Protein backbone atom coordinates (compact mmCIF):
# COMPACT_ATOMS: atom_id res chain seq x y z
CA MET A 1 -92.55 66.73 -79.78
CA LYS A 2 -89.05 65.39 -80.14
CA CYS A 3 -86.27 65.34 -77.55
CA HIS A 4 -82.99 63.63 -76.74
CA VAL A 5 -82.00 62.62 -73.22
CA PRO A 6 -78.26 62.14 -72.51
CA GLY A 7 -77.01 58.97 -70.82
CA PRO A 8 -76.64 60.27 -67.22
CA ASN A 9 -80.16 61.75 -67.28
CA VAL A 10 -81.70 58.53 -68.62
CA LYS A 11 -81.24 57.02 -65.16
CA VAL A 12 -83.07 59.97 -63.60
CA LEU A 13 -85.92 59.60 -66.08
CA GLY A 14 -86.12 55.86 -65.33
CA ARG A 15 -86.31 56.56 -61.59
CA THR A 16 -89.02 59.10 -62.28
CA ILE A 17 -91.18 56.64 -64.22
CA HIS A 18 -90.81 53.99 -61.50
CA ALA A 19 -91.77 56.49 -58.78
CA LEU A 20 -94.85 57.60 -60.71
CA ALA A 21 -95.86 53.97 -61.26
CA ARG A 22 -96.30 53.59 -57.49
CA PHE A 23 -98.85 56.40 -57.55
CA GLY A 24 -101.10 55.73 -60.54
CA ASP A 25 -101.76 53.44 -63.50
CA GLU A 26 -101.84 56.13 -66.19
CA LEU A 27 -99.18 58.62 -67.20
CA TYR A 28 -100.07 62.04 -68.59
CA LEU A 29 -97.41 63.72 -70.70
CA GLU A 30 -97.52 67.37 -71.74
CA SER A 31 -94.82 69.32 -73.59
CA LEU A 32 -94.42 73.04 -72.94
CA PRO A 33 -92.06 75.53 -74.59
CA ASP A 34 -89.58 75.28 -71.71
CA SER A 35 -90.28 71.87 -70.11
CA ILE A 36 -92.10 68.54 -70.16
CA LEU A 37 -94.63 67.68 -67.46
CA LEU A 38 -95.26 64.13 -66.27
CA ARG A 39 -98.37 63.69 -64.12
CA THR A 40 -100.33 60.88 -62.50
CA LEU A 41 -103.09 60.38 -59.93
CA ASN A 42 -103.92 57.38 -57.78
CA ALA A 43 -107.27 55.59 -57.98
CA ALA A 44 -108.59 57.08 -54.72
CA GLU A 45 -107.61 60.60 -55.88
CA SER A 46 -105.78 61.12 -52.59
CA ALA A 47 -102.25 61.35 -54.03
CA TYR A 48 -101.04 63.42 -56.98
CA ALA A 49 -97.56 63.52 -58.51
CA MET A 50 -96.11 65.99 -60.98
CA ILE A 51 -92.53 65.99 -62.26
CA LYS A 52 -91.25 68.84 -64.35
CA LEU A 53 -88.27 68.22 -66.65
CA ASN A 54 -86.75 71.53 -67.66
CA LYS A 55 -85.41 72.27 -71.12
CA ASN A 56 -81.79 71.91 -70.00
CA PHE A 57 -82.54 68.33 -68.91
CA PHE A 58 -82.38 67.36 -72.60
CA SER A 59 -79.56 67.59 -75.11
CA TYR A 60 -82.12 68.39 -77.82
CA PHE A 61 -85.64 69.66 -77.22
CA ASN A 62 -88.45 70.64 -79.62
CA TYR A 63 -91.85 70.66 -77.95
CA ASN A 64 -93.96 71.03 -81.17
CA PHE A 65 -91.85 69.12 -83.71
CA TYR A 66 -94.87 67.44 -85.38
CA SER A 67 -97.45 70.11 -84.61
CA THR A 68 -98.97 72.36 -87.28
CA GLU A 69 -99.60 75.17 -84.81
CA ASP A 70 -96.66 77.02 -83.30
CA ASP A 71 -98.02 77.20 -79.74
CA GLU A 72 -99.37 73.65 -79.48
CA GLY A 73 -97.31 70.92 -77.86
CA LEU A 74 -97.87 67.25 -77.22
CA LYS A 75 -100.68 66.27 -74.83
CA CYS A 76 -101.31 62.58 -74.39
CA LYS A 77 -102.13 59.82 -71.92
CA ILE A 78 -100.34 56.47 -72.01
CA SER A 79 -100.42 53.33 -69.91
CA MET A 80 -97.97 53.33 -67.02
CA LYS A 81 -97.25 49.64 -67.58
CA SER A 82 -96.19 50.33 -71.16
CA ALA A 83 -93.90 53.13 -70.02
CA LEU A 84 -92.26 50.83 -67.47
CA ASN A 85 -91.30 48.36 -70.20
CA ALA A 86 -88.94 50.97 -71.65
CA PHE A 87 -87.24 51.50 -68.24
CA LYS A 88 -87.05 48.03 -66.72
CA SER A 89 -83.71 48.47 -64.93
CA PRO A 90 -83.05 52.16 -64.19
CA THR A 91 -80.14 51.35 -61.87
CA HIS A 92 -77.73 50.46 -64.69
CA MET A 93 -79.24 52.49 -67.50
CA ASP A 94 -76.59 55.21 -67.29
CA LYS A 95 -73.87 52.61 -67.95
CA GLN A 96 -75.69 50.90 -70.83
CA VAL A 97 -77.61 53.67 -72.61
CA GLU A 98 -75.77 56.45 -74.41
CA ASN A 99 -78.80 58.40 -75.58
CA LEU A 100 -82.60 58.24 -75.43
CA GLU A 101 -84.83 59.72 -78.10
CA ILE A 102 -88.51 60.41 -77.39
CA LYS A 103 -90.70 61.36 -80.33
CA LEU A 104 -94.24 61.12 -81.59
CA ASP A 105 -95.22 58.99 -84.56
CA ALA A 106 -97.96 61.09 -86.13
CA ASN A 107 -99.08 58.38 -88.57
CA SER A 108 -99.71 55.59 -86.06
CA CYS A 109 -100.46 57.76 -83.01
CA LYS A 110 -97.75 56.12 -80.93
CA LEU A 111 -95.11 57.52 -78.64
CA ILE A 112 -91.66 56.11 -79.47
CA PHE A 113 -88.89 55.54 -76.92
CA GLN A 114 -85.65 54.70 -78.75
CA LEU A 115 -82.67 53.77 -76.60
CA LYS A 116 -79.25 53.83 -78.23
CA CYS A 117 -77.06 51.54 -76.17
CA LYS A 118 -73.39 50.70 -76.35
CA HIS A 119 -71.93 48.50 -79.09
CA GLY A 120 -74.46 49.89 -81.57
CA ILE A 121 -77.52 48.27 -79.95
CA ILE A 122 -80.79 50.14 -80.49
CA LYS A 123 -83.96 49.30 -78.54
CA THR A 124 -87.23 50.79 -79.74
CA HIS A 125 -90.46 50.76 -77.74
CA TYR A 126 -93.78 51.79 -79.31
CA VAL A 127 -96.31 52.95 -76.73
CA SER A 128 -99.94 53.43 -77.77
CA ILE A 129 -101.57 56.75 -76.95
CA LEU A 130 -104.79 56.26 -75.01
CA ASP A 131 -106.05 59.83 -75.16
CA CYS A 132 -104.90 63.19 -76.51
CA LYS A 133 -105.62 65.48 -73.60
CA ALA A 134 -103.74 66.96 -70.68
CA MET A 135 -104.45 66.19 -67.07
CA GLN A 136 -105.98 68.92 -64.96
CA SER A 137 -103.54 70.29 -62.41
CA ALA A 138 -104.20 69.78 -58.73
CA VAL A 139 -105.02 72.85 -56.65
CA TYR A 140 -102.49 73.35 -53.87
CA THR A 141 -100.07 75.94 -52.56
CA LYS A 142 -96.50 75.57 -51.37
CA ASP A 143 -95.27 79.13 -50.90
CA LEU A 144 -97.79 80.58 -48.44
CA VAL A 145 -97.94 77.72 -45.94
CA PRO A 146 -96.84 78.37 -42.32
CA ASN A 147 -95.00 75.06 -41.81
CA ARG A 148 -91.86 74.16 -43.79
CA ILE A 149 -89.38 71.40 -43.11
CA THR A 150 -86.32 70.39 -45.11
CA SER A 151 -84.77 67.05 -44.25
CA SER A 152 -82.20 64.68 -45.64
CA GLN A 153 -83.64 61.58 -47.20
CA ARG A 154 -81.49 59.36 -44.97
CA LEU A 155 -83.00 60.71 -41.75
CA LEU A 156 -86.58 60.04 -42.83
CA SER A 157 -85.66 56.64 -44.32
CA GLU A 158 -84.16 55.49 -41.04
CA ALA A 159 -87.20 56.75 -39.14
CA LEU A 160 -89.60 55.06 -41.53
CA GLY A 161 -87.73 51.77 -41.21
CA ASN A 162 -89.10 51.38 -37.66
CA PHE A 163 -92.71 51.21 -38.86
CA GLN A 164 -94.48 47.98 -39.71
CA SER A 165 -95.04 47.09 -43.36
CA SER A 166 -98.74 46.59 -42.57
CA ASP A 167 -99.18 50.23 -41.49
CA ASP A 168 -101.35 52.12 -43.97
CA GLN A 169 -101.22 55.64 -42.59
CA MET A 170 -98.87 57.77 -40.56
CA THR A 171 -99.58 60.69 -38.26
CA LEU A 172 -97.19 63.65 -38.16
CA GLU A 173 -97.40 65.99 -35.18
CA ALA A 174 -95.41 69.18 -35.60
CA THR A 175 -94.56 71.43 -32.66
CA ASN A 176 -91.86 74.01 -32.09
CA GLN A 177 -89.91 71.60 -29.89
CA LEU A 178 -90.41 68.21 -31.59
CA LEU A 179 -91.58 66.47 -34.73
CA ILE A 180 -93.41 63.28 -33.78
CA LEU A 181 -94.04 60.45 -36.24
CA ARG A 182 -96.34 57.59 -35.27
CA ASN A 183 -98.47 54.99 -36.97
CA TYR A 184 -102.14 55.87 -37.17
CA GLU A 185 -104.75 53.43 -35.87
CA ASP A 186 -108.50 53.67 -35.93
CA ALA A 187 -110.21 54.49 -32.64
CA ASN A 188 -112.36 51.34 -32.96
CA ILE A 189 -109.31 49.05 -32.88
CA ASP A 190 -108.17 47.64 -29.55
CA LEU A 191 -104.83 49.32 -28.87
CA THR A 192 -103.64 46.39 -26.76
CA LYS A 193 -103.59 44.11 -29.81
CA ILE A 194 -101.47 46.25 -32.15
CA ILE A 195 -97.89 47.46 -32.28
CA ARG A 196 -97.55 51.15 -31.56
CA THR A 197 -94.60 53.00 -33.12
CA GLN A 198 -93.67 56.56 -32.27
CA ILE A 199 -90.48 58.46 -33.11
CA SER A 200 -89.56 61.94 -31.89
CA LEU A 201 -87.13 64.09 -33.89
CA LYS A 202 -85.56 67.31 -32.68
CA PRO A 203 -85.46 70.44 -34.88
CA SER A 204 -81.68 70.35 -34.85
CA GLU A 205 -81.72 67.09 -36.85
CA PHE A 206 -83.28 68.82 -39.90
CA ASP A 207 -81.66 71.10 -42.43
CA SER A 208 -84.39 73.68 -41.81
CA TYR A 209 -87.34 73.59 -39.44
CA THR A 210 -90.04 76.28 -39.40
CA ILE A 211 -93.37 75.72 -37.66
CA GLY A 212 -95.70 78.70 -37.77
CA ALA A 213 -98.82 76.80 -36.63
CA GLU A 214 -98.59 73.64 -34.56
CA THR A 215 -100.75 70.95 -36.07
CA THR A 216 -101.26 67.21 -36.55
CA ILE A 217 -101.81 65.66 -39.98
CA THR A 218 -102.35 62.09 -41.19
CA PHE A 219 -101.49 60.77 -44.68
CA THR A 220 -100.96 57.47 -46.46
CA LEU A 221 -97.69 55.59 -46.08
CA LYS A 222 -97.67 53.88 -49.49
CA GLU A 223 -97.14 57.06 -51.47
CA PHE A 224 -94.85 58.49 -48.80
CA ARG A 225 -92.56 55.47 -49.11
CA ALA A 226 -92.55 55.88 -52.91
CA LEU A 227 -91.49 59.54 -52.87
CA LEU A 228 -88.94 58.87 -50.15
CA ALA A 229 -87.40 56.08 -52.23
CA PHE A 230 -87.24 58.48 -55.19
CA ALA A 231 -85.38 61.10 -53.15
CA GLU A 232 -83.07 58.47 -51.71
CA ALA A 233 -82.20 57.05 -55.14
CA LEU A 234 -81.19 60.53 -56.36
CA SER A 235 -79.53 61.50 -53.02
CA LEU A 236 -81.54 64.71 -52.80
CA PRO A 237 -83.13 66.38 -49.74
CA LEU A 238 -86.86 66.36 -49.20
CA GLN A 239 -88.93 69.47 -48.52
CA LEU A 240 -92.27 69.30 -46.73
CA HIS A 241 -94.79 72.15 -46.95
CA PHE A 242 -98.05 71.74 -45.03
CA GLU A 243 -100.76 73.69 -43.22
CA THR A 244 -103.36 72.04 -40.98
CA ALA A 245 -105.28 68.78 -40.99
CA GLY A 246 -107.58 68.49 -43.98
CA ARG A 247 -105.31 70.54 -46.25
CA PRO A 248 -102.91 68.82 -48.70
CA ALA A 249 -99.27 68.26 -47.77
CA VAL A 250 -96.71 68.96 -50.50
CA PHE A 251 -93.41 67.07 -50.72
CA ILE A 252 -90.81 68.57 -53.08
CA VAL A 253 -87.67 66.98 -54.52
CA HIS A 254 -85.51 69.00 -56.92
CA ASN A 255 -81.90 69.55 -57.90
CA GLY A 256 -82.35 73.24 -58.62
CA THR A 257 -81.64 73.29 -62.35
CA THR A 258 -82.89 70.37 -64.45
CA PHE A 259 -86.00 68.93 -62.79
CA GLU A 260 -88.47 69.44 -59.95
CA ALA A 261 -90.90 66.90 -58.49
CA HIS A 262 -94.05 67.70 -56.52
CA PHE A 263 -95.87 64.98 -54.57
CA VAL A 264 -99.18 66.09 -53.06
CA LEU A 265 -100.82 63.88 -50.42
CA ALA A 266 -104.26 64.42 -48.94
CA THR A 267 -104.45 64.66 -45.15
CA THR A 268 -107.24 63.62 -42.82
CA LYS A 269 -108.45 65.10 -39.59
CA PRO A 270 -107.95 62.90 -36.51
CA GLU A 271 -111.09 61.64 -34.83
CA THR A 272 -109.86 62.84 -31.45
CA ALA A 273 -107.42 65.48 -30.36
CA THR A 274 -104.44 63.16 -30.18
CA GLN A 275 -103.99 59.44 -30.21
CA GLY A 276 -102.02 59.72 -26.99
CA SER A 277 -105.14 60.85 -25.18
CA MET A 278 -107.02 57.95 -26.76
CA GLN A 279 -104.47 55.54 -25.37
CA ASN A 280 -104.72 57.09 -21.89
CA HIS A 281 -108.52 56.80 -21.95
CA SER A 282 -108.28 53.15 -22.97
CA ARG A 283 -105.89 52.41 -20.11
CA THR A 284 -108.19 54.20 -17.65
CA ASP A 285 -111.21 52.25 -18.88
CA LYS A 286 -109.29 48.99 -18.62
CA LYS A 287 -108.27 49.67 -15.01
CA ARG A 288 -111.82 50.71 -14.12
CA LYS A 289 -113.14 47.49 -15.62
CA GLU A 290 -110.65 45.39 -13.64
CA VAL A 291 -111.67 47.12 -10.39
CA ASN A 292 -115.36 46.55 -11.07
CA GLU A 293 -114.74 42.90 -11.82
CA SER A 294 -112.75 42.40 -8.60
CA VAL A 295 -115.47 44.05 -6.49
CA GLY A 296 -118.25 42.17 -8.25
CA SER A 297 -116.56 38.80 -7.81
CA THR A 298 -116.86 39.00 -4.01
CA LYS A 299 -120.64 39.46 -4.19
CA LYS A 300 -121.32 37.16 -7.10
CA LYS A 301 -123.43 34.04 -6.43
CA PRO A 302 -123.11 31.01 -8.72
CA HIS A 303 -125.73 30.35 -11.41
CA LEU A 304 -127.57 33.62 -10.70
CA GLU A 305 -127.75 36.65 -12.95
CA ILE A 306 -127.37 40.22 -11.71
CA ASP A 307 -131.11 40.90 -11.98
CA THR A 308 -131.93 37.80 -9.93
CA LEU A 309 -129.41 38.80 -7.29
CA ALA A 310 -131.05 42.19 -6.96
CA CYS A 311 -134.45 40.57 -6.48
CA LEU A 312 -133.12 38.22 -3.80
CA ASP A 313 -131.26 40.94 -1.95
CA GLU A 314 -134.28 43.23 -1.88
CA ASP A 315 -136.73 40.47 -0.77
CA SER A 316 -138.79 40.76 -3.89
CA HIS A 317 -142.49 39.94 -3.61
CA LEU A 318 -142.08 37.20 -6.17
CA PHE A 319 -140.44 35.03 -3.52
CA ASN A 320 -142.46 36.04 -0.45
CA TYR A 321 -145.24 33.46 -0.81
CA ILE A 322 -143.34 30.52 -2.22
CA ASP A 323 -142.04 27.75 0.01
CA ILE A 324 -138.95 26.32 -1.60
CA PRO A 325 -138.51 22.77 -0.31
CA GLU A 326 -135.13 21.62 0.80
CA GLU A 327 -133.28 18.99 -1.11
CA ARG A 328 -133.71 15.48 0.25
CA ASP A 329 -132.85 12.00 -0.82
CA TRP A 330 -135.95 10.34 -2.25
CA ARG A 331 -134.31 6.96 -2.70
CA PRO A 332 -136.19 4.23 -0.78
CA GLU A 333 -134.47 2.74 2.22
CA LYS A 334 -134.14 -0.96 2.63
CA LYS A 335 -136.39 -2.10 5.45
CA SER A 336 -136.95 -5.51 6.89
CA THR A 337 -140.32 -7.25 6.87
CA HIS A 338 -141.11 -6.70 10.54
CA GLU A 339 -140.22 -2.97 10.33
CA ASN A 340 -142.49 -2.33 7.30
CA GLY A 341 -145.48 -3.84 8.91
CA GLY A 342 -147.96 -4.28 6.09
CA ASP A 343 -145.55 -3.03 3.42
CA ARG A 344 -144.30 -5.32 0.67
CA ALA A 345 -142.21 -4.97 -2.46
CA ASN A 346 -143.62 -5.89 -5.84
CA ASP A 347 -141.76 -7.31 -8.83
CA ASN A 348 -140.98 -3.91 -10.31
CA GLY A 349 -139.13 -2.78 -7.17
CA LEU A 350 -141.89 -0.34 -6.11
CA GLU A 351 -142.97 -0.30 -2.49
CA GLU A 352 -146.66 -0.43 -1.74
CA ASN A 353 -147.96 0.82 1.59
CA MET A 354 -150.85 -1.23 2.94
CA ASP A 355 -151.90 1.59 5.29
CA GLY A 356 -152.72 3.90 2.34
CA GLU A 357 -149.64 6.12 2.61
CA ILE A 358 -148.14 7.52 -0.59
CA PRO A 359 -145.04 5.54 -1.48
CA GLY A 360 -141.76 7.24 -2.18
CA SER A 361 -140.58 8.08 -5.70
CA PRO A 362 -138.74 5.34 -7.52
CA THR A 363 -135.02 5.45 -7.98
CA SER A 364 -133.61 7.17 -11.02
CA ARG A 365 -132.44 3.87 -12.51
CA ILE A 366 -135.89 2.28 -12.30
CA LYS A 367 -137.56 5.43 -13.61
CA ILE A 368 -135.25 5.71 -16.62
CA LYS A 369 -135.52 1.99 -17.32
CA SER A 370 -139.30 2.09 -17.23
CA ALA A 371 -139.48 5.21 -19.40
CA PHE A 372 -137.13 3.84 -22.06
CA LYS A 373 -138.14 0.23 -21.68
CA ARG A 374 -139.11 -0.26 -25.28
CA CYS A 375 -135.78 1.18 -26.46
CA PHE A 376 -134.04 -1.91 -25.09
CA GLU A 377 -136.40 -4.36 -26.83
CA ASN A 378 -135.69 -5.91 -30.21
CA THR A 379 -137.09 -3.96 -33.09
CA PHE A 380 -138.27 -7.03 -34.95
CA ASP A 381 -139.50 -10.30 -33.43
CA PRO A 382 -140.41 -12.96 -36.03
CA ARG A 383 -142.50 -14.85 -33.47
CA SER A 384 -144.92 -11.94 -33.16
CA ILE A 385 -146.01 -12.30 -36.80
CA GLN A 386 -149.05 -14.42 -37.41
CA ARG A 387 -148.48 -16.89 -40.17
CA VAL A 388 -151.31 -15.81 -42.44
CA VAL A 389 -150.75 -16.27 -46.16
CA LEU A 390 -151.84 -13.15 -47.95
CA ALA A 391 -150.73 -14.26 -51.43
CA GLU A 392 -149.89 -17.76 -52.49
CA ASN A 393 -146.66 -18.55 -54.21
CA SER A 394 -147.15 -18.53 -57.97
CA ASP A 395 -144.27 -20.85 -58.63
CA SER A 396 -145.07 -24.51 -58.71
CA ASP A 397 -142.79 -26.90 -56.92
């Protein structure tokens, strides 16, 4: 394969490589008699991109320049990072590059990108070929789908600017009256702790709006932002072809003559009918919980669990034969000698009854002091050691 890309189209090719780099890490290149196909696939295999560069996109085109067979073109896989090195700044490439030559070096198995810039500057990039095979095409349809929408890239860019950068997926609900865009959140996440974004667009705001079957689909936002940036950079409208949830959604960007880009995103089925109903259920559950808490607070007794309360209210048999004594102050009262009769106080502060009555319990201070008495004593008392010589001193005075 050997082809020449004129200066104005070099910018388009640079934008194409940068858009594909946001989808996958490997670039598949295949030359056909009338076009060149650029394909890539993301790691999760949920997003596929294919860009077709027609023969009139090039100033010179020979799809089997180095091939020995007449009907065999170039089929190779290269690293996306290596391809990006040849198109580092696509914004100004049309002003700096006059011509780009892409060819295959049959001896070293490398793909050569040679940029001929102004003032006679030539930049050559040698990209190693990782594999010599074509990528299998994704299975999807775009002509027989019931739902088709054509929109300007500015309208969708402004709508997407209202979403949070942390949003991973977006839900699109298409009806005959409205097109609703909202961020998708898992049903297990508390909706009161996240930011909900929802935008409604009328059919009159689109270039064309045809909904044959009302449906709701969910797809990733990362790849959608990438394809939208590609359409915005080229100032081209975006076409959306989709069916129902679970079927792929196809986004198409083309200028009608030189190139056509297909971006296929996998869609997921929502866990419930709509997220709006989920939100209503969560609000209803929250109100019901608040009402139950307010009613329960009037009957709640301190330090008692619900099961214990039920037992007490129903006069459970566990408490029928137990006499629970009332709280009383067990601290001894100070009495005079003539009032105590035969009573007297000992040195420890305990009262002894001479008539044989059981004395009252000691105060908490005396009880704690007696229980932890040894904790307040010195750990080591030298006087308690008997001066017995177990081994005489070996040193002589």
